[in-house]
Protein backbone atom coordinates (compact mmCIF):
# COMPACT_ATOMS: atom_id res chain seq x y z
CA MET A 1 -6.08 16.54 65.59
CA PHE A 2 -5.28 19.77 67.44
CA GLU A 3 -7.29 22.56 69.01
CA VAL A 4 -6.96 26.34 68.82
CA THR A 5 -8.69 28.73 71.24
CA VAL A 6 -8.87 32.28 69.89
CA HIS A 7 -11.35 33.74 72.39
CA ASP A 8 -13.22 32.76 75.50
CA SER A 9 -16.30 32.31 73.39
CA ILE A 10 -14.64 30.72 70.29
CA HIS A 11 -13.04 27.27 70.18
CA ILE A 12 -11.50 25.75 66.93
CA VAL A 13 -10.75 22.06 66.30
CA LEU A 14 -8.56 20.82 63.34
CA ASP A 15 -8.82 17.10 62.50
CA GLY A 16 -6.26 15.00 60.66
CA ALA A 17 -7.96 15.60 57.32
CA GLY A 18 -7.36 19.33 57.62
CA SER A 19 -11.02 20.23 58.16
CA THR A 20 -11.90 22.96 60.68
CA LYS A 21 -14.68 22.92 63.24
CA LYS A 22 -15.64 26.12 65.09
CA SER A 23 -17.77 26.45 68.22
CA PHE A 24 -19.07 29.74 69.57
CA ASN A 25 -20.10 30.22 73.20
CA PHE A 26 -22.09 33.42 73.65
CA PRO A 27 -24.02 34.39 76.80
CA SER A 28 -27.68 33.73 76.48
CA THR A 29 -29.89 36.75 75.76
CA PRO A 30 -33.52 36.94 76.70
CA GLN A 31 -35.86 36.60 73.71
CA LYS A 32 -37.34 40.01 73.29
CA SER A 33 -37.56 42.72 70.69
CA PHE A 34 -35.11 45.60 71.04
CA THR A 35 -33.56 48.27 68.83
CA ILE A 36 -29.95 48.13 67.72
CA SER A 37 -27.94 50.13 70.22
CA LYS A 38 -24.40 51.36 70.37
CA ALA A 39 -23.40 48.38 72.47
CA THR A 40 -24.70 45.98 69.84
CA ARG A 41 -22.71 47.70 67.07
CA GLN A 42 -19.61 47.53 69.22
CA GLN A 43 -20.21 43.85 69.82
CA GLU A 44 -20.50 43.25 66.08
CA ALA A 45 -17.23 45.07 65.48
CA GLU A 46 -15.56 42.94 68.09
CA LEU A 47 -16.97 39.83 66.44
CA GLU A 48 -15.50 40.89 63.09
CA LEU A 49 -12.09 41.44 64.68
CA ILE A 50 -12.39 38.08 66.39
CA GLU A 51 -13.27 36.46 63.05
CA GLU A 52 -10.24 38.01 61.35
CA GLU A 53 -7.97 36.97 64.19
CA THR A 54 -9.48 33.51 64.07
CA ALA A 55 -8.77 33.19 60.36
CA LYS A 56 -5.16 34.31 60.85
CA ARG A 57 -4.57 31.91 63.73
CA VAL A 58 -6.24 29.03 61.85
CA GLU A 59 -4.11 29.73 58.78
CA GLU A 60 -0.96 29.83 60.90
CA ALA A 61 -1.94 26.65 62.71
CA ILE A 62 -2.63 24.90 59.42
CA ARG A 63 0.71 26.08 58.00
CA LYS A 64 2.57 24.80 61.05
CA LYS A 65 0.68 21.54 60.95
CA VAL A 66 1.51 21.09 57.26
CA GLU A 67 5.19 21.89 57.88
CA GLU A 68 5.31 19.44 60.74
CA SER A 69 3.59 16.81 58.62
CA LEU A 70 5.95 17.37 55.70
CA ASN A 71 8.97 17.15 57.97
CA SER A 72 7.79 13.93 59.56
CA GLU A 73 9.48 10.69 58.49
CA GLU A 74 6.15 9.05 57.77
CA ILE A 75 5.14 11.80 55.33
CA LYS A 76 8.56 11.72 53.69
CA LEU A 77 8.27 7.99 53.21
CA GLU A 78 4.74 8.38 51.89
CA LEU A 79 5.87 11.09 49.46
CA GLN A 80 8.80 8.94 48.38
CA ARG A 81 6.48 5.97 47.88
CA ARG A 82 4.07 8.06 45.83
CA LEU A 83 6.94 9.49 43.79
CA GLU A 84 8.28 6.01 43.11
CA GLU A 85 4.79 4.78 42.26
CA GLY A 86 4.25 7.76 39.98
CA ARG A 87 7.62 7.18 38.35
CA ARG A 88 6.80 3.51 37.80
CA LYS A 89 3.41 4.38 36.35
CA LEU A 90 5.01 6.98 34.10
CA LEU A 91 7.64 4.48 32.97
CA ASP A 92 4.91 1.92 32.33
CA VAL A 93 2.92 4.46 30.32
CA VAL A 94 6.06 5.45 28.38
CA ALA A 95 6.93 1.78 27.79
CA VAL A 96 3.40 1.04 26.54
CA GLN A 97 3.50 4.12 24.33
CA LEU A 98 6.92 3.15 22.96
CA GLU A 99 5.69 -0.38 22.31
CA LYS A 100 2.66 0.99 20.47
CA GLU A 101 4.88 3.32 18.44
CA LYS A 102 7.23 0.42 17.73
CA GLU A 103 4.33 -1.76 16.58
CA SER A 104 3.00 1.11 14.46
CA ALA A 105 6.47 1.61 12.97
CA VAL A 106 6.79 -2.11 12.23
CA ILE A 107 3.33 -2.19 10.63
CA GLU A 108 4.14 0.91 8.60
CA ALA A 109 7.48 -0.57 7.55
CA ARG A 110 5.74 -3.79 6.51
CA LYS A 111 3.18 -1.79 4.55
CA ARG A 112 5.96 0.13 2.81
CA GLU A 113 7.85 -3.10 2.15
CA ALA A 114 4.68 -4.75 0.82
CA SER A 115 4.04 -1.69 -1.35
CA ILE A 116 7.63 -1.79 -2.65
CA HIS A 117 7.36 -5.55 -3.30
CA TYR A 118 4.05 -4.99 -5.07
CA LYS A 119 5.55 -2.25 -7.24
CA ILE A 120 8.60 -4.41 -7.99
CA LYS A 121 6.38 -7.41 -8.75
CA LYS A 122 4.13 -5.27 -10.94
CA GLU A 123 7.12 -3.78 -12.76
CA ARG A 124 8.65 -7.24 -13.17
CA ALA A 125 5.35 -8.61 -14.50
CA LYS A 126 5.18 -5.69 -16.92
CA LYS A 127 8.74 -6.35 -18.10
CA ASP A 128 8.04 -10.10 -18.39
CA LYS A 129 4.91 -9.36 -20.41
CA GLU A 130 6.82 -6.98 -22.68
CA GLU A 131 9.63 -9.55 -23.07
CA LEU A 132 7.10 -12.29 -23.86
CA GLU A 133 5.35 -10.08 -26.41
CA ARG A 134 8.73 -9.24 -27.94
CA MET A 135 9.65 -12.94 -28.16
CA ILE A 136 6.25 -13.78 -29.68
CA GLU A 137 6.65 -11.00 -32.22
CA GLU A 138 10.21 -12.12 -32.98
CA ASN A 139 9.11 -15.74 -33.41
CA ARG A 140 6.20 -14.65 -35.59
CA ARG A 141 8.58 -12.61 -37.74
CA LYS A 142 10.97 -15.55 -37.99
CA VAL A 143 8.15 -17.91 -38.90
CA GLU A 144 6.88 -15.51 -41.54
CA GLU A 145 10.41 -15.09 -42.91
CA ALA A 146 10.92 -18.86 -42.98
CA GLN A 147 7.56 -19.34 -44.68
CA ARG A 148 8.43 -16.65 -47.21
CA ARG A 149 11.82 -18.27 -47.94
CA GLU A 150 10.16 -21.69 -48.17
CA ALA A 151 7.56 -20.31 -50.56
CA LEU A 152 10.27 -18.72 -52.70
CA GLU A 153 12.27 -21.94 -52.64
CA GLN A 154 9.19 -23.93 -53.56
CA GLN A 155 8.46 -21.53 -56.39
CA ARG A 156 12.06 -21.79 -57.57
CA ARG A 157 11.87 -25.60 -57.52
CA GLU A 158 8.57 -25.55 -59.37
CA GLU A 159 9.94 -23.20 -61.99
CA GLU A 160 13.07 -25.31 -62.35
CA ARG A 161 11.00 -28.49 -62.66
CA TYR A 162 8.79 -26.76 -65.22
CA ARG A 163 11.85 -25.71 -67.21
CA GLU A 164 13.21 -29.27 -67.02
CA LEU A 165 9.91 -30.67 -68.22
CA GLU A 166 9.77 -28.07 -70.95
CA GLU A 167 13.35 -28.88 -71.98
CA ARG A 168 12.56 -32.59 -72.00
CA GLN A 169 9.45 -31.94 -74.07
CA LYS A 170 11.49 -29.90 -76.52
CA GLN A 171 14.13 -32.64 -76.69
CA LYS A 172 11.45 -35.25 -77.17
CA GLU A 173 9.79 -33.23 -79.91
CA GLU A 174 13.16 -32.60 -81.53
CA ALA A 175 13.95 -36.30 -81.42
CA MET A 176 10.59 -37.13 -82.90
CA ARG A 177 11.08 -34.48 -85.59
CA ARG A 178 14.51 -35.84 -86.46
CA LYS A 179 13.20 -39.37 -86.47
CA LYS A 180 10.34 -38.40 -88.71
CA GLN A 181 12.69 -36.48 -90.97
CA GLN A 182 15.01 -39.45 -91.09
CA GLU A 183 12.14 -41.77 -91.85
CA GLU A 184 10.98 -39.43 -94.61
CA GLU A 185 14.49 -39.25 -96.05
CA GLU A 186 14.79 -43.04 -95.95
CA ARG A 187 11.41 -43.40 -97.64
CA ALA A 188 12.40 -40.89 -100.28
CA ASN A 189 15.62 -42.78 -100.91
CA GLN A 190 13.73 -46.02 -101.22
CA ILE A 191 11.35 -44.41 -103.69
CA LYS A 192 14.29 -43.14 -105.71
CA LEU A 193 15.87 -46.54 -105.76
CA LEU A 194 12.65 -48.14 -106.85
CA GLY A 195 12.26 -45.59 -109.65
CA LYS A 196 15.71 -46.24 -110.96
CA ASN A 197 15.08 -49.96 -111.03
CA LYS A 198 11.94 -49.53 -113.14
CA ALA A 199 13.67 -47.29 -115.70
CA ARG A 200 16.67 -49.61 -116.33
CA PRO A 201 16.40 -51.43 -119.86
CA LYS A 202 16.08 -55.16 -120.10
CA VAL A 203 19.17 -56.96 -121.47
CA SER A 204 18.57 -59.97 -123.70
CA PHE A 205 21.16 -62.47 -124.59
CA ALA A 206 20.90 -64.27 -128.03
CA ILE A 207 22.66 -67.53 -128.62
CA GLY A 208 24.09 -67.70 -132.15
CA SER A 209 24.76 -70.95 -134.23
CA LYS A 210 27.80 -71.56 -136.39
């Protein structure tokens, strides 16, 4: 705290907080009605000059006080402490922000990785499905081809068996025809022989006497 006297009737006090207190000491005037005179106007002008001078001296005193305070070791240490504290707070804020950005980047990277894995998995599932459908279609075609070949082979065997049976039937009929023909020829021969025997004359033998 320091004091500044700018006039016999004005006394200024500055406290440590930088606030200003003014006190005015004017001679007492009897309480009565009077008109403004030339002396009063002059007094007002002097008061204005005193006020201006007061403001200048207060400003100068404050400036000097601030300079003295700034140049003091205590203020320097306080400023240094506040600068260090501000720097630490700023570093803490930056570190927190960087950590948040790092976490956001990690989360975003995981999302992208999950999206890529999902796309790869989806594409792989699509390819597996297409491959499975292709294999099923290929197996179905092979089965149909095998069934077709089997049916053709079965038909060929049936036709061959039918031809064999037909050939056997023909051979059997031919054998029966030949046998019947042979039997008829033998019967005809027997009939011929019997006919010849009936037509042959009887031979008699006479025994003569001498």
